[in-house]
Amino acid sequence: MHPLFAHTPPPPYYAAIFTSQRTEGDQGYADMAEHMAALASQQPGYLGAESTRDADGFGITVSYWESEAAIRQWKRNAEHQIAQQKGRSTWYANFALRIAKVERAYDM
């Protein structure tokens, strides 16, 4: 499997799909994004993530989790809450979060 693909177990598991449109300028975003990725990877129930952003600032990050409870715990993480606040006030012009249960998964 390609190294940018998350290595997930057989379903079922959950996906948190975060779609966003960045504002202009970095304003500390890159450092925080790197820190959040590292912090998320240490959370109980974390399975992996895939992320991409285009030249116009539109991005999609999908993180994979063992359960909805694990996603809720991540949302409540104190450092993650600081990043969420900064995202709303500074880094994102718009965003959407969707939670999905993965029931089937196929790969090459």
N, C-alpha and C. Protein backbone atom coordinates (compact mmCIF):
# COMPACT_ATOMS: atom_id res chain seq x y z
N MET A 1 0.85 -1.18 0.00
CA MET A 1 0.00 0.00 0.00
C MET A 1 0.89 1.24 0.00
N HIS A 2 0.43 2.28 -0.66
CA HIS A 2 1.16 3.54 -0.75
C HIS A 2 1.35 4.13 0.65
N PRO A 3 2.51 4.71 0.95
CA PRO A 3 2.77 5.21 2.30
C PRO A 3 1.86 6.36 2.75
N LEU A 4 1.21 7.06 1.83
CA LEU A 4 0.31 8.14 2.22
C LEU A 4 -1.09 7.64 2.59
N PHE A 5 -1.35 6.36 2.34
CA PHE A 5 -2.63 5.77 2.69
C PHE A 5 -2.59 5.29 4.13
N ALA A 6 -3.67 5.49 4.86
CA ALA A 6 -3.76 4.99 6.23
C ALA A 6 -3.89 3.47 6.18
N HIS A 7 -3.24 2.81 7.11
CA HIS A 7 -3.32 1.35 7.22
C HIS A 7 -4.38 1.03 8.27
N THR A 8 -5.57 0.72 7.81
CA THR A 8 -6.69 0.48 8.71
C THR A 8 -6.98 -1.02 8.83
N PRO A 9 -7.60 -1.41 9.94
CA PRO A 9 -7.95 -2.82 10.12
C PRO A 9 -9.20 -3.16 9.31
N PRO A 10 -9.58 -4.41 9.29
CA PRO A 10 -10.85 -4.75 8.64
C PRO A 10 -12.01 -4.01 9.32
N PRO A 11 -13.01 -3.56 8.54
CA PRO A 11 -14.16 -2.88 9.13
C PRO A 11 -14.92 -3.81 10.07
N PRO A 12 -15.74 -3.21 10.94
CA PRO A 12 -16.13 -1.81 10.98
C PRO A 12 -15.19 -0.95 11.82
N TYR A 13 -15.13 0.31 11.43
CA TYR A 13 -14.45 1.36 12.18
C TYR A 13 -15.07 2.68 11.72
N TYR A 14 -14.59 3.79 12.22
CA TYR A 14 -15.22 5.08 11.94
C TYR A 14 -14.25 6.03 11.26
N ALA A 15 -14.81 6.95 10.49
CA ALA A 15 -14.03 7.98 9.81
C ALA A 15 -14.57 9.35 10.20
N ALA A 16 -13.68 10.25 10.57
CA ALA A 16 -14.01 11.65 10.79
C ALA A 16 -13.49 12.40 9.56
N ILE A 17 -14.40 12.95 8.79
CA ILE A 17 -14.06 13.59 7.52
C ILE A 17 -14.14 15.10 7.71
N PHE A 18 -12.99 15.76 7.69
CA PHE A 18 -12.90 17.19 7.93
C PHE A 18 -12.55 17.88 6.62
N THR A 19 -13.49 18.67 6.11
CA THR A 19 -13.31 19.42 4.87
C THR A 19 -13.18 20.89 5.23
N SER A 20 -12.20 21.57 4.66
CA SER A 20 -11.99 22.96 5.07
C SER A 20 -11.49 23.82 3.92
N GLN A 21 -11.75 25.11 4.07
CA GLN A 21 -11.20 26.14 3.19
C GLN A 21 -10.35 27.05 4.06
N ARG A 22 -9.04 27.09 3.80
CA ARG A 22 -8.11 27.91 4.58
C ARG A 22 -8.28 29.39 4.26
N THR A 23 -7.92 30.21 5.24
CA THR A 23 -7.79 31.65 5.03
C THR A 23 -6.38 31.91 4.47
N GLU A 24 -6.11 33.16 4.11
CA GLU A 24 -4.80 33.54 3.58
C GLU A 24 -3.74 33.50 4.68
N GLY A 25 -2.51 33.15 4.32
CA GLY A 25 -1.39 33.18 5.24
C GLY A 25 -1.36 32.00 6.19
N ASP A 26 -0.19 31.71 6.72
CA ASP A 26 -0.01 30.56 7.60
C ASP A 26 -0.50 30.81 9.02
N GLN A 27 -0.06 31.91 9.62
CA GLN A 27 -0.48 32.31 10.96
C GLN A 27 -0.34 31.19 12.00
N GLY A 28 0.72 30.39 11.85
CA GLY A 28 0.98 29.30 12.79
C GLY A 28 0.26 28.01 12.47
N TYR A 29 -0.45 27.96 11.36
CA TYR A 29 -1.25 26.78 11.00
C TYR A 29 -0.40 25.54 10.79
N ALA A 30 0.67 25.64 10.01
CA ALA A 30 1.47 24.46 9.67
C ALA A 30 2.03 23.78 10.91
N ASP A 31 2.55 24.57 11.84
CA ASP A 31 3.08 23.99 13.07
C ASP A 31 1.99 23.30 13.88
N MET A 32 0.83 23.94 13.99
CA MET A 32 -0.27 23.35 14.76
C MET A 32 -0.79 22.10 14.06
N ALA A 33 -0.90 22.11 12.75
CA ALA A 33 -1.38 20.94 12.02
C ALA A 33 -0.44 19.75 12.25
N GLU A 34 0.84 20.01 12.21
CA GLU A 34 1.83 18.94 12.46
C GLU A 34 1.70 18.42 13.90
N HIS A 35 1.53 19.32 14.84
CA HIS A 35 1.37 18.93 16.25
C HIS A 35 0.08 18.13 16.45
N MET A 36 -1.01 18.56 15.83
CA MET A 36 -2.29 17.85 15.97
C MET A 36 -2.20 16.45 15.37
N ALA A 37 -1.53 16.30 14.25
CA ALA A 37 -1.38 14.98 13.64
C ALA A 37 -0.60 14.05 14.58
N ALA A 38 0.45 14.56 15.17
CA ALA A 38 1.24 13.75 16.11
C ALA A 38 0.44 13.43 17.36
N LEU A 39 -0.29 14.40 17.89
CA LEU A 39 -1.09 14.20 19.09
C LEU A 39 -2.23 13.21 18.83
N ALA A 40 -2.90 13.35 17.70
CA ALA A 40 -4.00 12.43 17.36
C ALA A 40 -3.48 10.99 17.30
N SER A 41 -2.30 10.81 16.74
CA SER A 41 -1.75 9.45 16.59
C SER A 41 -1.48 8.77 17.92
N GLN A 42 -1.44 9.54 19.00
CA GLN A 42 -1.20 8.99 20.34
C GLN A 42 -2.50 8.70 21.10
N GLN A 43 -3.63 9.07 20.50
CA GLN A 43 -4.91 8.92 21.20
C GLN A 43 -5.42 7.48 21.13
N PRO A 44 -6.02 7.00 22.22
CA PRO A 44 -6.63 5.66 22.19
C PRO A 44 -7.68 5.58 21.08
N GLY A 45 -7.62 4.52 20.31
CA GLY A 45 -8.60 4.30 19.25
C GLY A 45 -8.24 4.89 17.90
N TYR A 46 -7.14 5.63 17.81
CA TYR A 46 -6.70 6.22 16.54
C TYR A 46 -6.16 5.13 15.63
N LEU A 47 -6.58 5.16 14.36
CA LEU A 47 -6.15 4.13 13.40
C LEU A 47 -5.28 4.69 12.27
N GLY A 48 -5.36 5.99 12.02
CA GLY A 48 -4.58 6.57 10.92
C GLY A 48 -5.32 7.74 10.31
N ALA A 49 -4.67 8.38 9.32
CA ALA A 49 -5.28 9.54 8.66
C ALA A 49 -4.72 9.71 7.27
N GLU A 50 -5.50 10.39 6.45
CA GLU A 50 -5.09 10.78 5.10
C GLU A 50 -5.50 12.23 4.92
N SER A 51 -4.64 13.03 4.28
CA SER A 51 -4.94 14.45 4.17
C SER A 51 -4.38 15.03 2.88
N THR A 52 -5.10 15.99 2.33
CA THR A 52 -4.64 16.68 1.14
C THR A 52 -5.19 18.11 1.14
N ARG A 53 -4.46 19.01 0.50
CA ARG A 53 -4.91 20.41 0.38
C ARG A 53 -4.45 20.92 -0.98
N ASP A 54 -5.35 21.63 -1.70
CA ASP A 54 -4.96 22.14 -3.01
C ASP A 54 -4.35 23.53 -2.91
N ALA A 55 -3.91 24.07 -4.04
CA ALA A 55 -3.23 25.36 -4.08
C ALA A 55 -4.13 26.52 -3.66
N ASP A 56 -5.45 26.33 -3.74
CA ASP A 56 -6.40 27.37 -3.35
C ASP A 56 -6.81 27.28 -1.88
N GLY A 57 -6.23 26.31 -1.14
CA GLY A 57 -6.50 26.20 0.28
C GLY A 57 -7.65 25.28 0.66
N PHE A 58 -8.24 24.59 -0.32
CA PHE A 58 -9.31 23.63 -0.01
C PHE A 58 -8.67 22.30 0.38
N GLY A 59 -9.08 21.76 1.53
CA GLY A 59 -8.47 20.53 2.00
C GLY A 59 -9.47 19.54 2.57
N ILE A 60 -9.06 18.29 2.57
CA ILE A 60 -9.83 17.22 3.17
C ILE A 60 -8.88 16.36 3.99
N THR A 61 -9.23 16.14 5.25
CA THR A 61 -8.51 15.22 6.12
C THR A 61 -9.49 14.19 6.63
N VAL A 62 -9.14 12.93 6.45
CA VAL A 62 -9.97 11.84 6.97
C VAL A 62 -9.13 11.13 8.02
N SER A 63 -9.64 11.12 9.25
CA SER A 63 -8.98 10.36 10.30
C SER A 63 -9.85 9.15 10.62
N TYR A 64 -9.21 8.05 10.93
CA TYR A 64 -9.90 6.78 11.17
C TYR A 64 -9.77 6.39 12.63
N TRP A 65 -10.87 5.88 13.19
CA TRP A 65 -10.97 5.61 14.62
C TRP A 65 -11.69 4.29 14.86
N GLU A 66 -11.35 3.64 15.97
CA GLU A 66 -11.98 2.38 16.34
C GLU A 66 -13.46 2.53 16.67
N SER A 67 -13.84 3.70 17.22
CA SER A 67 -15.21 3.87 17.71
C SER A 67 -15.61 5.34 17.70
N GLU A 68 -16.92 5.57 17.82
CA GLU A 68 -17.40 6.94 17.97
C GLU A 68 -16.91 7.53 19.28
N ALA A 69 -16.81 6.69 20.32
CA ALA A 69 -16.32 7.16 21.62
C ALA A 69 -14.89 7.69 21.50
N ALA A 70 -14.05 7.05 20.71
CA ALA A 70 -12.67 7.51 20.51
C ALA A 70 -12.66 8.87 19.81
N ILE A 71 -13.55 9.07 18.86
CA ILE A 71 -13.66 10.37 18.17
C ILE A 71 -14.10 11.44 19.16
N ARG A 72 -15.08 11.14 20.00
CA ARG A 72 -15.54 12.10 21.00
C ARG A 72 -14.42 12.48 21.97
N GLN A 73 -13.63 11.49 22.37
CA GLN A 73 -12.50 11.77 23.27
C GLN A 73 -11.49 12.69 22.60
N TRP A 74 -11.23 12.46 21.32
CA TRP A 74 -10.30 13.31 20.58
C TRP A 74 -10.85 14.73 20.52
N LYS A 75 -12.14 14.87 20.25
CA LYS A 75 -12.75 16.20 20.17
C LYS A 75 -12.60 16.94 21.50
N ARG A 76 -12.62 16.22 22.61
CA ARG A 76 -12.54 16.82 23.95
C ARG A 76 -11.10 17.07 24.42
N ASN A 77 -10.11 16.59 23.68
CA ASN A 77 -8.72 16.78 24.08
C ASN A 77 -8.43 18.28 24.22
N ALA A 78 -7.83 18.68 25.32
CA ALA A 78 -7.62 20.10 25.62
C ALA A 78 -6.80 20.82 24.56
N GLU A 79 -5.71 20.21 24.11
CA GLU A 79 -4.89 20.85 23.07
C GLU A 79 -5.64 20.93 21.75
N HIS A 80 -6.42 19.89 21.45
CA HIS A 80 -7.23 19.89 20.23
C HIS A 80 -8.29 20.98 20.29
N GLN A 81 -8.86 21.22 21.46
CA GLN A 81 -9.86 22.28 21.60
C GLN A 81 -9.26 23.66 21.34
N ILE A 82 -8.01 23.86 21.75
CA ILE A 82 -7.33 25.12 21.44
C ILE A 82 -7.18 25.29 19.93
N ALA A 83 -6.78 24.21 19.26
CA ALA A 83 -6.64 24.25 17.79
C ALA A 83 -8.00 24.50 17.13
N GLN A 84 -9.05 23.88 17.66
CA GLN A 84 -10.39 24.10 17.10
C GLN A 84 -10.79 25.58 17.20
N GLN A 85 -10.53 26.19 18.35
CA GLN A 85 -10.85 27.61 18.53
C GLN A 85 -10.08 28.47 17.54
N LYS A 86 -8.80 28.19 17.39
CA LYS A 86 -7.96 28.96 16.47
C LYS A 86 -8.43 28.75 15.03
N GLY A 87 -8.88 27.54 14.72
CA GLY A 87 -9.41 27.26 13.39
C GLY A 87 -10.63 28.11 13.09
N ARG A 88 -11.54 28.19 14.06
CA ARG A 88 -12.76 28.99 13.87
C ARG A 88 -12.45 30.48 13.75
N SER A 89 -11.50 30.96 14.55
CA SER A 89 -11.24 32.40 14.59
C SER A 89 -10.25 32.88 13.53
N THR A 90 -9.33 32.00 13.08
CA THR A 90 -8.22 32.47 12.26
C THR A 90 -7.96 31.66 10.99
N TRP A 91 -7.91 30.34 11.09
CA TRP A 91 -7.37 29.53 10.00
C TRP A 91 -8.36 29.12 8.92
N TYR A 92 -9.64 29.04 9.23
CA TYR A 92 -10.61 28.53 8.26
C TYR A 92 -11.65 29.57 7.89
N ALA A 93 -11.86 29.71 6.58
CA ALA A 93 -12.96 30.53 6.08
C ALA A 93 -14.26 29.74 6.20
N ASN A 94 -14.15 28.42 6.11
CA ASN A 94 -15.31 27.54 6.23
C ASN A 94 -14.80 26.12 6.49
N PHE A 95 -15.62 25.32 7.15
CA PHE A 95 -15.27 23.91 7.35
C PHE A 95 -16.53 23.09 7.60
N ALA A 96 -16.40 21.80 7.43
CA ALA A 96 -17.47 20.85 7.74
C ALA A 96 -16.82 19.59 8.29
N LEU A 97 -17.50 18.97 9.24
CA LEU A 97 -17.04 17.71 9.81
C LEU A 97 -18.16 16.69 9.67
N ARG A 98 -17.81 15.53 9.16
CA ARG A 98 -18.77 14.45 9.00
C ARG A 98 -18.19 13.19 9.63
N ILE A 99 -19.02 12.46 10.35
CA ILE A 99 -18.61 11.21 10.98
C ILE A 99 -19.33 10.08 10.25
N ALA A 100 -18.58 9.07 9.85
CA ALA A 100 -19.16 7.96 9.10
C ALA A 100 -18.67 6.63 9.65
N LYS A 101 -19.51 5.63 9.59
CA LYS A 101 -19.11 4.28 9.95
C LYS A 101 -18.67 3.57 8.67
N VAL A 102 -17.47 3.04 8.68
CA VAL A 102 -16.95 2.29 7.53
C VAL A 102 -17.36 0.84 7.72
N GLU A 103 -18.17 0.36 6.79
CA GLU A 103 -18.67 -1.02 6.89
C GLU A 103 -17.97 -1.96 5.90
N ARG A 104 -17.46 -1.38 4.82
CA ARG A 104 -16.70 -2.17 3.85
C ARG A 104 -15.52 -1.33 3.39
N ALA A 105 -14.41 -1.97 3.09
CA ALA A 105 -13.23 -1.27 2.60
C ALA A 105 -12.51 -2.18 1.62
N TYR A 106 -12.06 -1.60 0.54
CA TYR A 106 -11.34 -2.33 -0.50
C TYR A 106 -10.07 -1.57 -0.84
N ASP A 107 -9.05 -2.27 -1.23
CA ASP A 107 -7.86 -1.59 -1.72
C ASP A 107 -7.23 -2.42 -2.84
N MET A 108 -6.21 -1.87 -3.43
CA MET A 108 -5.57 -2.48 -4.58
C MET A 108 -4.70 -3.66 -4.18
